[in-house]
Amino acid sequence: MKLKNIDLTLKRMIELLRMGGEVEGWTAALEGIREDFHSDPKYASSKLMSMYGGMGSLNDLVLYSDGQALVVENNEFDILRAQLYKLVKR
């Protein structure tokens, strides 16, 4: 069940990133992590956790379209980002 929730959360985050353009390769990075969870969840967890924190991290992402911040999408992304952290941290 936990892996399914992680997969669904990553899938939605990727969809939101696509709405905000290809945010500095984050879409591809999260797609890779999503694939890694299917083959090696421990490795994927470690890799994902390293993306949180520090300058230019997953925590710093802001979604834009045509120069305007996507408020609703950013709020959802923030919720998903926190949810994913909790799922993987357990």
PDB file of N, CA and C in Angstrom:
ATOM      1  N   MET A   1       0.828  -1.209   0.000  1.00  0.00           N
ATOM      2  CA  MET A   1       0.000   0.000   0.000  1.00  0.00           C
ATOM      3  C   MET A   1       0.861   1.258   0.000  1.00  0.00           C
ATOM      4  N   LYS A   2       1.947   1.260   0.789  1.00  0.00           N
ATOM      5  CA  LYS A   2       2.814   2.421   0.872  1.00  0.00           C
ATOM      6  C   LYS A   2       3.427   2.746  -0.492  1.00  0.00           C
ATOM      7  N   LEU A   3       3.917   1.719  -1.211  1.00  0.00           N
ATOM      8  CA  LEU A   3       4.512   1.954  -2.520  1.00  0.00           C
ATOM      9  C   LEU A   3       3.489   2.484  -3.516  1.00  0.00           C
ATOM     10  N   LYS A   4       2.262   2.014  -3.409  1.00  0.00           N
ATOM     11  CA  LYS A   4       1.204   2.513  -4.295  1.00  0.00           C
ATOM     12  C   LYS A   4       0.952   3.992  -4.035  1.00  0.00           C
ATOM     13  N   ASN A   5       0.911   4.378  -2.761  1.00  0.00           N
ATOM     14  CA  ASN A   5       0.701   5.789  -2.415  1.00  0.00           C
ATOM     15  C   ASN A   5       1.868   6.651  -2.887  1.00  0.00           C
ATOM     16  N   ILE A   6       3.074   6.145  -2.741  1.00  0.00           N
ATOM     17  CA  ILE A   6       4.252   6.872  -3.219  1.00  0.00           C
ATOM     18  C   ILE A   6       4.153   7.051  -4.731  1.00  0.00           C
ATOM     19  N   ASP A   7       3.799   5.977  -5.432  1.00  0.00           N
ATOM     20  CA  ASP A   7       3.691   6.028  -6.887  1.00  0.00           C
ATOM     21  C   ASP A   7       2.638   7.037  -7.327  1.00  0.00           C
ATOM     22  N   LEU A   8       1.474   7.008  -6.698  1.00  0.00           N
ATOM     23  CA  LEU A   8       0.400   7.940  -7.062  1.00  0.00           C
ATOM     24  C   LEU A   8       0.784   9.391  -6.771  1.00  0.00           C
ATOM     25  N   THR A   9       1.473   9.600  -5.663  1.00  0.00           N
ATOM     26  CA  THR A   9       1.909  10.953  -5.300  1.00  0.00           C
ATOM     27  C   THR A   9       2.928  11.470  -6.308  1.00  0.00           C
ATOM     28  N   LEU A  10       3.905  10.639  -6.642  1.00  0.00           N
ATOM     29  CA  LEU A  10       4.900  11.041  -7.634  1.00  0.00           C
ATOM     30  C   LEU A  10       4.253  11.307  -8.989  1.00  0.00           C
ATOM     31  N   LYS A  11       3.311  10.466  -9.363  1.00  0.00           N
ATOM     32  CA  LYS A  11       2.625  10.638 -10.651  1.00  0.00           C
ATOM     33  C   LYS A  11       1.944  11.997 -10.719  1.00  0.00           C
ATOM     34  N   ARG A  12       1.244  12.369  -9.666  1.00  0.00           N
ATOM     35  CA  ARG A  12       0.542  13.660  -9.658  1.00  0.00           C
ATOM     36  C   ARG A  12       1.537  14.821  -9.630  1.00  0.00           C
ATOM     37  N   MET A  13       2.619  14.684  -8.878  1.00  0.00           N
ATOM     38  CA  MET A  13       3.632  15.739  -8.845  1.00  0.00           C
ATOM     39  C   MET A  13       4.221  15.949 -10.238  1.00  0.00           C
ATOM     40  N   ILE A  14       4.456  14.872 -10.953  1.00  0.00           N
ATOM     41  CA  ILE A  14       4.988  14.955 -12.314  1.00  0.00           C
ATOM     42  C   ILE A  14       3.994  15.671 -13.227  1.00  0.00           C
ATOM     43  N   GLU A  15       2.714  15.347 -13.086  1.00  0.00           N
ATOM     44  CA  GLU A  15       1.685  16.028 -13.877  1.00  0.00           C
ATOM     45  C   GLU A  15       1.693  17.531 -13.607  1.00  0.00           C
ATOM     46  N   LEU A  16       1.798  17.909 -12.346  1.00  0.00           N
ATOM     47  CA  LEU A  16       1.820  19.324 -11.987  1.00  0.00           C
ATOM     48  C   LEU A  16       3.071  20.009 -12.531  1.00  0.00           C
ATOM     49  N   LEU A  17       4.204  19.320 -12.471  1.00  0.00           N
ATOM     50  CA  LEU A  17       5.430  19.895 -13.023  1.00  0.00           C
ATOM     51  C   LEU A  17       5.288  20.152 -14.519  1.00  0.00           C
ATOM     52  N   ARG A  18       4.628  19.258 -15.210  1.00  0.00           N
ATOM     53  CA  ARG A  18       4.423  19.446 -16.652  1.00  0.00           C
ATOM     54  C   ARG A  18       3.545  20.675 -16.924  1.00  0.00           C
ATOM     55  N   MET A  19       2.589  20.935 -16.033  1.00  0.00           N
ATOM     56  CA  MET A  19       1.747  22.121 -16.195  1.00  0.00           C
ATOM     57  C   MET A  19       2.571  23.394 -16.066  1.00  0.00           C
ATOM     58  N   GLY A  20       3.593  23.327 -15.222  1.00  0.00           N
ATOM     59  CA  GLY A  20       4.441  24.488 -14.984  1.00  0.00           C
ATOM     60  C   GLY A  20       5.685  24.495 -15.845  1.00  0.00           C
ATOM     61  N   GLY A  21       5.697  23.692 -16.892  1.00  0.00           N
ATOM     62  CA  GLY A  21       6.867  23.613 -17.761  1.00  0.00           C
ATOM     63  C   GLY A  21       7.874  22.627 -17.192  1.00  0.00           C
ATOM     64  N   GLU A  22       8.922  22.422 -17.902  1.00  0.00           N
ATOM     65  CA  GLU A  22       9.985  21.504 -17.464  1.00  0.00           C
ATOM     66  C   GLU A  22      10.876  22.236 -16.476  1.00  0.00           C
ATOM     67  N   VAL A  23      10.517  22.216 -15.229  1.00  0.00           N
ATOM     68  CA  VAL A  23      11.199  22.970 -14.187  1.00  0.00           C
ATOM     69  C   VAL A  23      12.586  22.378 -13.937  1.00  0.00           C
ATOM     70  N   GLU A  24      13.579  22.909 -14.670  1.00  0.00           N
ATOM     71  CA  GLU A  24      14.989  22.552 -14.501  1.00  0.00           C
ATOM     72  C   GLU A  24      15.242  21.053 -14.374  1.00  0.00           C
ATOM     73  N   GLY A  25      14.571  20.256 -15.163  1.00  0.00           N
ATOM     74  CA  GLY A  25      14.813  18.820 -15.157  1.00  0.00           C
ATOM     75  C   GLY A  25      14.150  18.046 -14.034  1.00  0.00           C
ATOM     76  N   TRP A  26      13.336  18.713 -13.246  1.00  0.00           N
ATOM     77  CA  TRP A  26      12.690  18.022 -12.123  1.00  0.00           C
ATOM     78  C   TRP A  26      11.691  16.972 -12.576  1.00  0.00           C
ATOM     79  N   THR A  27      11.043  17.210 -13.701  1.00  0.00           N
ATOM     80  CA  THR A  27      10.083  16.225 -14.208  1.00  0.00           C
ATOM     81  C   THR A  27      10.797  14.908 -14.482  1.00  0.00           C
ATOM     82  N   ALA A  28      11.895  14.972 -15.212  1.00  0.00           N
ATOM     83  CA  ALA A  28      12.663  13.765 -15.528  1.00  0.00           C
ATOM     84  C   ALA A  28      13.230  13.125 -14.263  1.00  0.00           C
ATOM     85  N   ALA A  29      13.670  13.939 -13.330  1.00  0.00           N
ATOM     86  CA  ALA A  29      14.237  13.405 -12.082  1.00  0.00           C
ATOM     87  C   ALA A  29      13.184  12.621 -11.305  1.00  0.00           C
ATOM     88  N   LEU A  30      11.991  13.171 -11.189  1.00  0.00           N
ATOM     89  CA  LEU A  30      10.940  12.470 -10.451  1.00  0.00           C
ATOM     90  C   LEU A  30      10.426  11.256 -11.213  1.00  0.00           C
ATOM     91  N   GLU A  31      10.432  11.327 -12.541  1.00  0.00           N
ATOM     92  CA  GLU A  31      10.067  10.142 -13.330  1.00  0.00           C
ATOM     93  C   GLU A  31      11.063   9.015 -13.072  1.00  0.00           C
ATOM     94  N   GLY A  32      12.342   9.350 -13.011  1.00  0.00           N
ATOM     95  CA  GLY A  32      13.375   8.353 -12.725  1.00  0.00           C
ATOM     96  C   GLY A  32      13.219   7.751 -11.341  1.00  0.00           C
ATOM     97  N   ILE A  33      12.940   8.586 -10.356  1.00  0.00           N
ATOM     98  CA  ILE A  33      12.715   8.110  -8.986  1.00  0.00           C
ATOM     99  C   ILE A  33      11.506   7.175  -8.961  1.00  0.00           C
ATOM    100  N   ARG A  34      10.465   7.556  -9.676  1.00  0.00           N
ATOM    101  CA  ARG A  34       9.250   6.732  -9.719  1.00  0.00           C
ATOM    102  C   ARG A  34       9.574   5.347 -10.275  1.00  0.00           C
ATOM    103  N   GLU A  35      10.345   5.298 -11.323  1.00  0.00           N
ATOM    104  CA  GLU A  35      10.759   4.014 -11.893  1.00  0.00           C
ATOM    105  C   GLU A  35      11.624   3.231 -10.911  1.00  0.00           C
ATOM    106  N   ASP A  36      12.521   3.932 -10.230  1.00  0.00           N
ATOM    107  CA  ASP A  36      13.416   3.276  -9.265  1.00  0.00           C
ATOM    108  C   ASP A  36      12.642   2.620  -8.124  1.00  0.00           C
ATOM    109  N   PHE A  37      11.522   3.209  -7.735  1.00  0.00           N
ATOM    110  CA  PHE A  37      10.725   2.625  -6.651  1.00  0.00           C
ATOM    111  C   PHE A  37      10.200   1.240  -7.026  1.00  0.00           C
ATOM    112  N   HIS A  38      10.017   0.991  -8.320  1.00  0.00           N
ATOM    113  CA  HIS A  38       9.528  -0.315  -8.764  1.00  0.00           C
ATOM    114  C   HIS A  38      10.614  -1.385  -8.674  1.00  0.00           C
ATOM    115  N   SER A  39      11.869  -0.992  -8.850  1.00  0.00           N
ATOM    116  CA  SER A  39      12.947  -1.982  -8.867  1.00  0.00           C
ATOM    117  C   SER A  39      13.756  -2.021  -7.572  1.00  0.00           C
ATOM    118  N   ASP A  40      13.957  -0.872  -6.945  1.00  0.00           N
ATOM    119  CA  ASP A  40      14.793  -0.820  -5.738  1.00  0.00           C
ATOM    120  C   ASP A  40      14.287   0.288  -4.808  1.00  0.00           C
ATOM    121  N   PRO A  41      13.223   0.002  -4.041  1.00  0.00           N
ATOM    122  CA  PRO A  41      12.622   1.043  -3.200  1.00  0.00           C
ATOM    123  C   PRO A  41      13.592   1.679  -2.199  1.00  0.00           C
ATOM    124  N   LYS A  42      14.502   0.910  -1.658  1.00  0.00           N
ATOM    125  CA  LYS A  42      15.441   1.461  -0.674  1.00  0.00           C
ATOM    126  C   LYS A  42      16.351   2.505  -1.327  1.00  0.00           C
ATOM    127  N   TYR A  43      16.880   2.170  -2.491  1.00  0.00           N
ATOM    128  CA  TYR A  43      17.721   3.111  -3.232  1.00  0.00           C
ATOM    129  C   TYR A  43      16.918   4.358  -3.624  1.00  0.00           C
ATOM    130  N   ALA A  44      15.700   4.136  -4.136  1.00  0.00           N
ATOM    131  CA  ALA A  44      14.853   5.249  -4.560  1.00  0.00           C
ATOM    132  C   ALA A  44      14.530   6.167  -3.386  1.00  0.00           C
ATOM    133  N   SER A  45      14.263   5.583  -2.226  1.00  0.00           N
ATOM    134  CA  SER A  45      13.973   6.384  -1.025  1.00  0.00           C
ATOM    135  C   SER A  45      15.150   7.269  -0.676  1.00  0.00           C
ATOM    136  N   SER A  46      16.334   6.693  -0.695  1.00  0.00           N
ATOM    137  CA  SER A  46      17.546   7.445  -0.376  1.00  0.00           C
ATOM    138  C   SER A  46      17.768   8.574  -1.384  1.00  0.00           C
ATOM    139  N   LYS A  47      17.607   8.248  -2.635  1.00  0.00           N
ATOM    140  CA  LYS A  47      17.791   9.234  -3.695  1.00  0.00           C
ATOM    141  C   LYS A  47      16.776  10.373  -3.571  1.00  0.00           C
ATOM    142  N   LEU A  48      15.527  10.018  -3.294  1.00  0.00           N
ATOM    143  CA  LEU A  48      14.484  11.029  -3.155  1.00  0.00           C
ATOM    144  C   LEU A  48      14.735  11.928  -1.949  1.00  0.00           C
ATOM    145  N   MET A  49      15.095  11.336  -0.827  1.00  0.00           N
ATOM    146  CA  MET A  49      15.323  12.139   0.382  1.00  0.00           C
ATOM    147  C   MET A  49      16.463  13.141   0.185  1.00  0.00           C
ATOM    148  N   SER A  50      17.415  12.800  -0.665  1.00  0.00           N
ATOM    149  CA  SER A  50      18.525  13.726  -0.924  1.00  0.00           C
ATOM    150  C   SER A  50      18.071  14.939  -1.742  1.00  0.00           C
ATOM    151  N   MET A  51      16.893  14.866  -2.327  1.00  0.00           N
ATOM    152  CA  MET A  51      16.380  15.978  -3.124  1.00  0.00           C
ATOM    153  C   MET A  51      15.690  17.042  -2.273  1.00  0.00           C
ATOM    154  N   TYR A  52      15.455  16.733  -1.004  1.00  0.00           N
ATOM    155  CA  TYR A  52      14.830  17.680  -0.084  1.00  0.00           C
ATOM    156  C   TYR A  52      15.926  18.451   0.647  1.00  0.00           C
ATOM    157  N   GLY A  53      15.768  19.751   0.737  1.00  0.00           N
ATOM    158  CA  GLY A  53      16.689  20.572   1.509  1.00  0.00           C
ATOM    159  C   GLY A  53      17.835  21.123   0.685  1.00  0.00           C
ATOM    160  N   GLY A  54      18.341  22.259   1.119  1.00  0.00           N
ATOM    161  CA  GLY A  54      19.435  22.908   0.409  1.00  0.00           C
ATOM    162  C   GLY A  54      18.911  23.796  -0.705  1.00  0.00           C
ATOM    163  N   MET A  55      19.801  24.635  -1.211  1.00  0.00           N
ATOM    164  CA  MET A  55      19.418  25.553  -2.294  1.00  0.00           C
ATOM    165  C   MET A  55      19.151  24.764  -3.564  1.00  0.00           C
ATOM    166  N   GLY A  56      18.117  25.155  -4.282  1.00  0.00           N
ATOM    167  CA  GLY A  56      17.776  24.509  -5.536  1.00  0.00           C
ATOM    168  C   GLY A  56      17.179  23.127  -5.364  1.00  0.00           C
ATOM    169  N   SER A  57      16.651  22.864  -4.182  1.00  0.00           N
ATOM    170  CA  SER A  57      16.103  21.546  -3.879  1.00  0.00           C
ATOM    171  C   SER A  57      14.636  21.452  -4.300  1.00  0.00           C
ATOM    172  N   LEU A  58      14.100  20.284  -4.110  1.00  0.00           N
ATOM    173  CA  LEU A  58      12.689  20.035  -4.392  1.00  0.00           C
ATOM    174  C   LEU A  58      11.800  21.001  -3.606  1.00  0.00           C
ATOM    175  N   ASN A  59      12.261  21.401  -2.431  1.00  0.00           N
ATOM    176  CA  ASN A  59      11.488  22.333  -1.599  1.00  0.00           C
ATOM    177  C   ASN A  59      11.375  23.731  -2.212  1.00  0.00           C
ATOM    178  N   ASP A  60      12.282  24.058  -3.126  1.00  0.00           N
ATOM    179  CA  ASP A  60      12.314  25.401  -3.701  1.00  0.00           C
ATOM    180  C   ASP A  60      11.493  25.560  -4.974  1.00  0.00           C
ATOM    181  N   LEU A  61      10.924  24.474  -5.466  1.00  0.00           N
ATOM    182  CA  LEU A  61      10.214  24.540  -6.746  1.00  0.00           C
ATOM    183  C   LEU A  61       8.957  25.403  -6.668  1.00  0.00           C
ATOM    184  N   VAL A  62       8.805  26.240  -7.672  1.00  0.00           N
ATOM    185  CA  VAL A  62       7.599  27.047  -7.838  1.00  0.00           C
ATOM    186  C   VAL A  62       7.170  26.878  -9.294  1.00  0.00           C
ATOM    187  N   LEU A  63       5.910  26.546  -9.486  1.00  0.00           N
ATOM    188  CA  LEU A  63       5.380  26.297 -10.820  1.00  0.00           C
ATOM    189  C   LEU A  63       4.849  27.587 -11.428  1.00  0.00           C
ATOM    190  N   TYR A  64       5.218  27.832 -12.688  1.00  0.00           N
ATOM    191  CA  TYR A  64       4.800  29.028 -13.417  1.00  0.00           C
ATOM    192  C   TYR A  64       4.256  28.633 -14.781  1.00  0.00           C
ATOM    193  N   SER A  65       3.396  29.470 -15.306  1.00  0.00           N
ATOM    194  CA  SER A  65       2.952  29.353 -16.689  1.00  0.00           C
ATOM    195  C   SER A  65       2.813  30.768 -17.230  1.00  0.00           C
ATOM    196  N   ASP A  66       3.456  31.034 -18.339  1.00  0.00           N
ATOM    197  CA  ASP A  66       3.434  32.366 -18.963  1.00  0.00           C
ATOM    198  C   ASP A  66       3.834  33.457 -17.971  1.00  0.00           C
ATOM    199  N   GLY A  67       4.825  33.180 -17.155  1.00  0.00           N
ATOM    200  CA  GLY A  67       5.332  34.166 -16.210  1.00  0.00           C
ATOM    201  C   GLY A  67       4.490  34.372 -14.969  1.00  0.00           C
ATOM    202  N   GLN A  68       3.426  33.623 -14.827  1.00  0.00           N
ATOM    203  CA  GLN A  68       2.542  33.760 -13.670  1.00  0.00           C
ATOM    204  C   GLN A  68       2.633  32.507 -12.805  1.00  0.00           C
ATOM    205  N   ALA A  69       2.756  32.715 -11.500  1.00  0.00           N
ATOM    206  CA  ALA A  69       2.770  31.575 -10.578  1.00  0.00           C
ATOM    207  C   ALA A  69       1.418  30.875 -10.624  1.00  0.00           C
ATOM    208  N   LEU A  70       1.444  29.557 -10.659  1.00  0.00           N
ATOM    209  CA  LEU A  70       0.226  28.747 -10.659  1.00  0.00           C
ATOM    210  C   LEU A  70      -0.162  28.476  -9.206  1.00  0.00           C
ATOM    211  N   VAL A  71      -0.978  29.349  -8.652  1.00  0.00           N
ATOM    212  CA  VAL A  71      -1.279  29.321  -7.221  1.00  0.00           C
ATOM    213  C   VAL A  71      -1.916  28.001  -6.793  1.00  0.00           C
ATOM    214  N   VAL A  72      -2.960  27.590  -7.452  1.00  0.00           N
ATOM    215  CA  VAL A  72      -3.663  26.363  -7.074  1.00  0.00           C
ATOM    216  C   VAL A  72      -2.735  25.156  -7.220  1.00  0.00           C
ATOM    217  N   GLU A  73      -2.014  25.102  -8.331  1.00  0.00           N
ATOM    218  CA  GLU A  73      -1.107  23.995  -8.589  1.00  0.00           C
ATOM    219  C   GLU A  73       0.050  23.977  -7.590  1.00  0.00           C
ATOM    220  N   ASN A  74       0.579  25.165  -7.247  1.00  0.00           N
ATOM    221  CA  ASN A  74       1.658  25.236  -6.263  1.00  0.00           C
ATOM    222  C   ASN A  74       1.187  24.779  -4.890  1.00  0.00           C
ATOM    223  N   ASN A  75      -0.037  25.153  -4.526  1.00  0.00           N
ATOM    224  CA  ASN A  75      -0.579  24.704  -3.235  1.00  0.00           C
ATOM    225  C   ASN A  75      -0.710  23.188  -3.204  1.00  0.00           C
ATOM    226  N   GLU A  76      -1.214  22.613  -4.284  1.00  0.00           N
ATOM    227  CA  GLU A  76      -1.331  21.158  -4.351  1.00  0.00           C
ATOM    228  C   GLU A  76       0.049  20.502  -4.330  1.00  0.00           C
ATOM    229  N   PHE A  77       0.986  21.070  -5.070  1.00  0.00           N
ATOM    230  CA  PHE A  77       2.343  20.522  -5.113  1.00  0.00           C
ATOM    231  C   PHE A  77       2.970  20.535  -3.722  1.00  0.00           C
ATOM    232  N   ASP A  78       2.762  21.610  -2.980  1.00  0.00           N
ATOM    233  CA  ASP A  78       3.293  21.702  -1.609  1.00  0.00           C
ATOM    234  C   ASP A  78       2.732  20.587  -0.731  1.00  0.00           C
ATOM    235  N   ILE A  79       1.446  20.346  -0.843  1.00  0.00           N
ATOM    236  CA  ILE A  79       0.803  19.287  -0.057  1.00  0.00           C
ATOM    237  C   ILE A  79       1.383  17.925  -0.444  1.00  0.00           C
ATOM    238  N   LEU A  80       1.504  17.685  -1.745  1.00  0.00           N
ATOM    239  CA  LEU A  80       2.033  16.409  -2.221  1.00  0.00           C
ATOM    240  C   LEU A  80       3.496  16.219  -1.817  1.00  0.00           C
ATOM    241  N   ARG A  81       4.272  17.295  -1.889  1.00  0.00           N
ATOM    242  CA  ARG A  81       5.690  17.239  -1.525  1.00  0.00           C
ATOM    243  C   ARG A  81       5.834  16.831  -0.057  1.00  0.00           C
ATOM    244  N   ALA A  82       5.025  17.415   0.819  1.00  0.00           N
ATOM    245  CA  ALA A  82       5.059  17.067   2.242  1.00  0.00           C
ATOM    246  C   ALA A  82       4.571  15.640   2.472  1.00  0.00           C
ATOM    247  N   GLN A  83       3.520  15.252   1.769  1.00  0.00           N
ATOM    248  CA  GLN A  83       2.972  13.903   1.876  1.00  0.00           C
ATOM    249  C   GLN A  83       4.010  12.874   1.435  1.00  0.00           C
ATOM    250  N   LEU A  84       4.687  13.136   0.329  1.00  0.00           N
ATOM    251  CA  LEU A  84       5.694  12.219  -0.179  1.00  0.00           C
ATOM    252  C   LEU A  84       6.844  12.069   0.830  1.00  0.00           C
ATOM    253  N   TYR A  85       7.260  13.176   1.410  1.00  0.00           N
ATOM    254  CA  TYR A  85       8.323  13.134   2.404  1.00  0.00           C
ATOM    255  C   TYR A  85       7.932  12.217   3.561  1.00  0.00           C
ATOM    256  N   LYS A  86       6.721  12.377   4.052  1.00  0.00           N
ATOM    257  CA  LYS A  86       6.257  11.554   5.173  1.00  0.00           C
ATOM    258  C   LYS A  86       6.170  10.086   4.783  1.00  0.00           C
ATOM    259  N   LEU A  87       5.687   9.799   3.578  1.00  0.00           N
ATOM    260  CA  LEU A  87       5.584   8.410   3.119  1.00  0.00           C
ATOM    261  C   LEU A  87       6.948   7.740   3.028  1.00  0.00           C
ATOM    262  N   VAL A  88       7.912   8.463   2.523  1.00  0.00           N
ATOM    263  CA  VAL A  88       9.250   7.888   2.322  1.00  0.00           C
ATOM    264  C   VAL A  88      10.030   7.844   3.621  1.00  0.00           C
ATOM    265  N   LYS A  89       9.831   8.825   4.475  1.00  0.00           N
ATOM    266  CA  LYS A  89      10.565   8.890   5.748  1.00  0.00           C
ATOM    267  C   LYS A  89      10.217   7.740   6.672  1.00  0.00           C
ATOM    268  N   ARG A  90       8.983   7.232   6.607  1.00  0.00           N
ATOM    269  CA  ARG A  90       8.541   6.143   7.491  1.00  0.00           C
ATOM    270  C   ARG A  90       9.362   4.899   7.315  1.00  0.00           C
TER     271      ARG A  90
END
